[in-house]
N, C-alpha and C. Protein backbone atom coordinates (compact mmCIF):
# COMPACT_ATOMS: atom_id res chain seq x y z
N MET A 1 0.84 -1.19 0.00
CA MET A 1 0.00 0.00 0.00
C MET A 1 0.88 1.24 0.00
N LEU A 2 0.47 2.24 -0.77
CA LEU A 2 1.21 3.50 -0.83
C LEU A 2 1.10 4.26 0.48
N ARG A 3 2.14 5.02 0.78
CA ARG A 3 2.10 5.86 1.97
C ARG A 3 1.14 7.03 1.75
N ARG A 4 0.77 7.65 2.87
CA ARG A 4 -0.16 8.78 2.78
C ARG A 4 0.37 9.89 1.89
N SER A 5 1.67 10.15 1.98
CA SER A 5 2.24 11.23 1.16
C SER A 5 2.11 10.94 -0.32
N GLU A 6 2.22 9.67 -0.70
CA GLU A 6 2.05 9.29 -2.10
C GLU A 6 0.57 9.41 -2.51
N PHE A 7 -0.31 9.11 -1.58
CA PHE A 7 -1.75 9.32 -1.80
C PHE A 7 -1.99 10.79 -2.09
N GLY A 8 -1.41 11.68 -1.28
CA GLY A 8 -1.56 13.12 -1.49
C GLY A 8 -1.03 13.56 -2.84
N LYS A 9 0.09 12.98 -3.25
CA LYS A 9 0.67 13.32 -4.55
C LYS A 9 -0.28 12.90 -5.67
N LYS A 10 -0.90 11.74 -5.54
CA LYS A 10 -1.86 11.29 -6.55
C LYS A 10 -3.08 12.21 -6.59
N LEU A 11 -3.50 12.69 -5.43
CA LEU A 11 -4.62 13.63 -5.38
C LEU A 11 -4.29 14.90 -6.15
N ARG A 12 -3.07 15.40 -5.97
CA ARG A 12 -2.65 16.64 -6.64
C ARG A 12 -2.52 16.46 -8.15
N GLN A 13 -2.08 15.28 -8.57
CA GLN A 13 -1.81 15.05 -9.99
C GLN A 13 -3.04 14.60 -10.77
N HIS A 14 -4.09 14.20 -10.07
CA HIS A 14 -5.28 13.66 -10.73
C HIS A 14 -6.01 14.72 -11.56
N ASP A 15 -6.51 14.29 -12.71
CA ASP A 15 -7.36 15.16 -13.53
C ASP A 15 -8.79 15.01 -13.02
N TRP A 16 -9.19 15.89 -12.12
CA TRP A 16 -10.49 15.80 -11.47
C TRP A 16 -11.64 16.02 -12.44
N TYR A 17 -11.36 16.53 -13.61
CA TYR A 17 -12.41 16.83 -14.58
C TYR A 17 -12.34 15.92 -15.80
N TYR A 18 -11.79 14.72 -15.62
CA TYR A 18 -11.65 13.77 -16.72
C TYR A 18 -13.01 13.42 -17.35
N GLY A 19 -14.07 13.50 -16.58
CA GLY A 19 -15.40 13.17 -17.09
C GLY A 19 -15.86 14.07 -18.22
N PHE A 20 -15.22 15.22 -18.37
CA PHE A 20 -15.57 16.16 -19.43
C PHE A 20 -14.69 15.99 -20.67
N ALA A 21 -13.77 15.01 -20.63
CA ALA A 21 -12.83 14.83 -21.73
C ALA A 21 -13.55 14.37 -23.00
N ASP A 22 -13.13 14.91 -24.13
CA ASP A 22 -13.66 14.48 -25.42
C ASP A 22 -12.95 13.22 -25.90
N ASP A 23 -11.72 13.04 -25.47
CA ASP A 23 -10.89 11.92 -25.89
C ASP A 23 -11.16 10.72 -24.97
N HIS A 24 -11.54 9.60 -25.56
CA HIS A 24 -11.86 8.42 -24.76
C HIS A 24 -10.66 7.92 -23.96
N ARG A 25 -9.46 8.03 -24.51
CA ARG A 25 -8.26 7.59 -23.79
C ARG A 25 -8.06 8.44 -22.53
N SER A 26 -8.29 9.73 -22.63
CA SER A 26 -8.16 10.61 -21.46
C SER A 26 -9.21 10.25 -20.42
N TRP A 27 -10.42 9.99 -20.88
CA TRP A 27 -11.49 9.62 -19.96
C TRP A 27 -11.17 8.31 -19.26
N THR A 28 -10.70 7.32 -20.02
CA THR A 28 -10.35 6.01 -19.45
C THR A 28 -9.23 6.13 -18.44
N LYS A 29 -8.20 6.90 -18.78
CA LYS A 29 -7.08 7.11 -17.86
C LYS A 29 -7.57 7.79 -16.57
N GLY A 30 -8.41 8.79 -16.71
CA GLY A 30 -8.94 9.48 -15.54
C GLY A 30 -9.80 8.57 -14.68
N ARG A 31 -10.63 7.76 -15.32
CA ARG A 31 -11.48 6.81 -14.60
C ARG A 31 -10.63 5.81 -13.81
N ASP A 32 -9.56 5.32 -14.45
CA ASP A 32 -8.68 4.36 -13.78
C ASP A 32 -7.95 5.01 -12.60
N GLN A 33 -7.49 6.24 -12.79
CA GLN A 33 -6.82 6.96 -11.69
C GLN A 33 -7.80 7.22 -10.56
N ALA A 34 -9.03 7.56 -10.89
CA ALA A 34 -10.04 7.83 -9.86
C ALA A 34 -10.30 6.57 -9.03
N LYS A 35 -10.29 5.40 -9.66
CA LYS A 35 -10.48 4.16 -8.93
C LYS A 35 -9.33 3.91 -7.97
N VAL A 36 -8.11 4.15 -8.42
CA VAL A 36 -6.93 3.99 -7.55
C VAL A 36 -7.05 4.93 -6.35
N ILE A 37 -7.44 6.17 -6.61
CA ILE A 37 -7.58 7.15 -5.53
C ILE A 37 -8.67 6.73 -4.55
N ARG A 38 -9.81 6.26 -5.06
CA ARG A 38 -10.88 5.80 -4.16
C ARG A 38 -10.41 4.62 -3.31
N ASP A 39 -9.66 3.71 -3.92
CA ASP A 39 -9.13 2.56 -3.18
C ASP A 39 -8.16 3.02 -2.09
N LEU A 40 -7.27 3.96 -2.42
CA LEU A 40 -6.33 4.49 -1.43
C LEU A 40 -7.08 5.20 -0.31
N HIS A 41 -8.11 5.93 -0.67
CA HIS A 41 -8.93 6.64 0.31
C HIS A 41 -9.50 5.65 1.31
N GLU A 42 -10.02 4.56 0.80
CA GLU A 42 -10.61 3.53 1.67
C GLU A 42 -9.54 2.80 2.48
N ASN A 43 -8.45 2.41 1.83
CA ASN A 43 -7.39 1.65 2.51
C ASN A 43 -6.72 2.43 3.63
N HIS A 44 -6.62 3.73 3.46
CA HIS A 44 -6.00 4.58 4.49
C HIS A 44 -7.01 5.04 5.53
N ALA A 45 -8.27 4.67 5.34
CA ALA A 45 -9.35 5.13 6.23
C ALA A 45 -9.27 6.66 6.39
N CYS A 46 -9.18 7.32 5.25
CA CYS A 46 -9.04 8.77 5.23
C CYS A 46 -10.27 9.42 5.87
N PRO A 47 -10.05 10.33 6.83
CA PRO A 47 -11.19 10.97 7.51
C PRO A 47 -11.85 12.09 6.71
N PHE A 48 -11.31 12.41 5.54
CA PHE A 48 -11.84 13.51 4.72
C PHE A 48 -12.55 12.93 3.50
N ASN A 49 -13.68 13.52 3.14
CA ASN A 49 -14.40 13.01 1.97
C ASN A 49 -13.70 13.45 0.68
N MET A 50 -14.05 12.80 -0.40
CA MET A 50 -13.37 13.05 -1.67
C MET A 50 -13.60 14.48 -2.18
N GLU A 51 -14.75 15.06 -1.91
CA GLU A 51 -15.00 16.43 -2.34
C GLU A 51 -14.05 17.41 -1.65
N ILE A 52 -13.85 17.22 -0.36
CA ILE A 52 -12.91 18.08 0.38
C ILE A 52 -11.49 17.87 -0.13
N LEU A 53 -11.14 16.63 -0.44
CA LEU A 53 -9.79 16.35 -0.97
C LEU A 53 -9.59 16.99 -2.34
N ARG A 54 -10.65 17.03 -3.15
CA ARG A 54 -10.55 17.72 -4.45
C ARG A 54 -10.28 19.21 -4.25
N ILE A 55 -11.00 19.80 -3.32
CA ILE A 55 -10.80 21.23 -3.03
C ILE A 55 -9.38 21.45 -2.51
N TRP A 56 -8.91 20.55 -1.64
CA TRP A 56 -7.54 20.64 -1.11
C TRP A 56 -6.52 20.54 -2.25
N ALA A 57 -6.73 19.58 -3.16
CA ALA A 57 -5.78 19.36 -4.25
C ALA A 57 -5.65 20.59 -5.15
N HIS A 58 -6.71 21.38 -5.25
CA HIS A 58 -6.68 22.59 -6.08
C HIS A 58 -6.24 23.83 -5.30
N ASN A 59 -5.91 23.65 -4.02
CA ASN A 59 -5.51 24.80 -3.18
C ASN A 59 -6.56 25.90 -3.19
N ASN A 60 -7.81 25.53 -3.12
CA ASN A 60 -8.89 26.51 -3.08
C ASN A 60 -9.11 26.94 -1.64
N ILE A 61 -8.25 27.84 -1.19
CA ILE A 61 -8.22 28.29 0.20
C ILE A 61 -8.98 29.61 0.31
N LEU A 62 -9.99 29.61 1.15
CA LEU A 62 -10.89 30.76 1.30
C LEU A 62 -10.14 32.07 1.46
N GLU A 63 -9.11 32.07 2.28
CA GLU A 63 -8.39 33.32 2.58
C GLU A 63 -7.65 33.89 1.36
N GLU A 64 -7.53 33.12 0.29
CA GLU A 64 -6.87 33.60 -0.93
C GLU A 64 -7.88 34.10 -1.96
N PHE A 65 -9.15 34.09 -1.59
CA PHE A 65 -10.23 34.49 -2.50
C PHE A 65 -10.99 35.69 -1.94
N VAL A 66 -11.64 36.42 -2.85
CA VAL A 66 -12.49 37.54 -2.48
C VAL A 66 -13.84 37.35 -3.17
N GLU A 67 -14.90 37.63 -2.44
CA GLU A 67 -16.24 37.54 -3.01
C GLU A 67 -16.54 38.86 -3.72
N GLU A 68 -16.53 38.83 -5.06
CA GLU A 68 -16.74 40.05 -5.84
C GLU A 68 -18.22 40.33 -6.08
N GLU A 69 -19.03 39.30 -6.13
CA GLU A 69 -20.48 39.39 -6.24
C GLU A 69 -21.03 38.29 -5.34
N PRO A 70 -22.32 38.29 -5.05
CA PRO A 70 -22.86 37.25 -4.17
C PRO A 70 -22.50 35.84 -4.66
N ASP A 71 -21.80 35.11 -3.81
CA ASP A 71 -21.33 33.75 -4.04
C ASP A 71 -20.50 33.61 -5.33
N GLN A 72 -19.76 34.64 -5.67
CA GLN A 72 -18.84 34.64 -6.82
C GLN A 72 -17.45 34.95 -6.29
N TRP A 73 -16.68 33.91 -5.98
CA TRP A 73 -15.38 34.06 -5.34
C TRP A 73 -14.26 33.91 -6.37
N TYR A 74 -13.28 34.83 -6.29
CA TYR A 74 -12.15 34.83 -7.21
C TYR A 74 -10.84 34.85 -6.42
N ARG A 75 -9.87 34.04 -6.91
CA ARG A 75 -8.54 34.05 -6.30
C ARG A 75 -7.90 35.42 -6.52
N GLN A 76 -7.21 35.89 -5.51
CA GLN A 76 -6.55 37.19 -5.59
C GLN A 76 -5.03 37.02 -5.55
N PRO A 77 -4.28 37.82 -6.25
CA PRO A 77 -4.79 38.84 -7.17
C PRO A 77 -5.38 38.18 -8.41
N ARG A 78 -6.42 38.78 -8.90
CA ARG A 78 -7.12 38.24 -10.08
C ARG A 78 -6.38 38.70 -11.32
N LYS A 79 -5.72 37.75 -12.01
CA LYS A 79 -4.90 38.08 -13.16
C LYS A 79 -5.70 38.21 -14.45
N TYR A 80 -6.75 37.39 -14.58
CA TYR A 80 -7.50 37.35 -15.83
C TYR A 80 -8.99 37.55 -15.56
N LYS A 81 -9.65 38.23 -16.45
CA LYS A 81 -11.09 38.45 -16.30
C LYS A 81 -11.91 37.25 -16.78
N CYS A 82 -11.29 36.35 -17.54
CA CYS A 82 -12.04 35.22 -18.11
C CYS A 82 -12.08 34.00 -17.18
N ILE A 83 -11.57 34.11 -15.96
CA ILE A 83 -11.58 33.00 -15.01
C ILE A 83 -12.97 32.85 -14.41
N ALA A 84 -13.43 31.62 -14.34
CA ALA A 84 -14.75 31.35 -13.75
C ALA A 84 -14.69 31.52 -12.23
N ALA A 85 -15.76 31.99 -11.68
CA ALA A 85 -15.85 32.17 -10.23
C ALA A 85 -16.10 30.83 -9.56
N LEU A 86 -15.74 30.77 -8.28
CA LEU A 86 -16.05 29.61 -7.45
C LEU A 86 -17.16 29.99 -6.48
N SER A 87 -17.89 28.99 -6.07
CA SER A 87 -18.89 29.16 -5.03
C SER A 87 -18.22 28.97 -3.68
N ARG A 88 -18.80 29.49 -2.63
CA ARG A 88 -18.23 29.34 -1.28
C ARG A 88 -18.08 27.87 -0.90
N LYS A 89 -18.98 27.02 -1.38
CA LYS A 89 -18.92 25.59 -1.05
C LYS A 89 -17.70 24.91 -1.68
N ASP A 90 -17.04 25.57 -2.63
CA ASP A 90 -15.85 25.03 -3.29
C ASP A 90 -14.56 25.53 -2.66
N LEU A 91 -14.66 26.13 -1.49
CA LEU A 91 -13.49 26.66 -0.79
C LEU A 91 -13.39 26.06 0.61
N ILE A 92 -12.15 25.90 1.08
CA ILE A 92 -11.92 25.48 2.47
C ILE A 92 -11.02 26.52 3.12
N THR A 93 -11.07 26.58 4.43
CA THR A 93 -10.24 27.55 5.14
C THR A 93 -8.78 27.07 5.16
N GLN A 94 -7.89 28.00 5.46
CA GLN A 94 -6.47 27.65 5.57
C GLN A 94 -6.27 26.60 6.65
N ALA A 95 -7.02 26.70 7.75
CA ALA A 95 -6.90 25.73 8.84
C ALA A 95 -7.31 24.33 8.37
N GLU A 96 -8.40 24.24 7.59
CA GLU A 96 -8.82 22.94 7.06
C GLU A 96 -7.77 22.39 6.09
N HIS A 97 -7.23 23.27 5.24
CA HIS A 97 -6.19 22.86 4.29
C HIS A 97 -4.96 22.33 5.04
N ASP A 98 -4.57 23.02 6.09
CA ASP A 98 -3.41 22.59 6.87
C ASP A 98 -3.67 21.26 7.58
N GLU A 99 -4.88 21.06 8.05
CA GLU A 99 -5.23 19.80 8.73
C GLU A 99 -5.12 18.62 7.76
N ILE A 100 -5.61 18.80 6.55
CA ILE A 100 -5.52 17.75 5.54
C ILE A 100 -4.07 17.49 5.17
N THR A 101 -3.31 18.56 4.96
CA THR A 101 -1.89 18.42 4.62
C THR A 101 -1.16 17.68 5.72
N GLN A 102 -1.43 18.03 6.96
CA GLN A 102 -0.78 17.37 8.08
C GLN A 102 -1.12 15.88 8.10
N TRP A 103 -2.36 15.53 7.87
CA TRP A 103 -2.75 14.12 7.86
C TRP A 103 -2.05 13.38 6.72
N LEU A 104 -1.98 14.00 5.55
CA LEU A 104 -1.37 13.35 4.39
C LEU A 104 0.15 13.22 4.51
N THR A 105 0.78 14.11 5.25
CA THR A 105 2.24 14.07 5.35
C THR A 105 2.75 13.29 6.54
N LEU A 106 1.87 12.68 7.31
CA LEU A 106 2.31 11.87 8.44
C LEU A 106 3.22 10.75 7.93
N GLY A 107 4.45 10.74 8.41
CA GLY A 107 5.42 9.73 7.99
C GLY A 107 6.15 10.06 6.70
N ALA A 108 5.95 11.26 6.17
CA ALA A 108 6.59 11.65 4.92
C ALA A 108 8.02 12.13 5.15
N THR A 109 8.81 12.08 4.08
CA THR A 109 10.17 12.63 4.14
C THR A 109 10.09 14.14 3.97
N VAL A 110 11.18 14.81 4.25
CA VAL A 110 11.25 16.27 4.08
C VAL A 110 10.99 16.65 2.63
N GLU A 111 11.54 15.87 1.71
CA GLU A 111 11.35 16.16 0.27
C GLU A 111 9.88 16.03 -0.11
N GLU A 112 9.21 15.00 0.42
CA GLU A 112 7.80 14.81 0.11
C GLU A 112 6.96 15.95 0.67
N ILE A 113 7.26 16.37 1.89
CA ILE A 113 6.52 17.47 2.51
C ILE A 113 6.69 18.75 1.70
N ALA A 114 7.88 18.96 1.13
CA ALA A 114 8.15 20.16 0.33
C ALA A 114 7.23 20.25 -0.89
N LEU A 115 6.73 19.13 -1.38
CA LEU A 115 5.82 19.13 -2.52
C LEU A 115 4.51 19.81 -2.22
N TYR A 116 4.15 19.88 -0.95
CA TYR A 116 2.86 20.46 -0.57
C TYR A 116 2.94 21.96 -0.34
N ALA A 117 4.12 22.51 -0.36
CA ALA A 117 4.29 23.95 -0.09
C ALA A 117 3.83 24.78 -1.25
């Protein structure tokens, strides 16, 4: 079984939007990776649900966003006007992000922990 830090790395590298792929090979690869991630989630008895882990993997940290219109959150500084807004439900606090990172890095090497910075 992979260590928690390797599980975290797979979460970061996963194409969470593979279901929207036009290419069947991309969709198949994403589906297979999603199964591996679900299995790791279960095997590690991860206390966080997959939706929260997706938000963590994208670094959607509330404190880095500003609500420009009702429930329209944008990462700051906002570089491009064509970026889609996020809803508040798609953000986690820095404390929640740190808690997940801490759980995933338990037993990790210094080099592995550096990947989460």
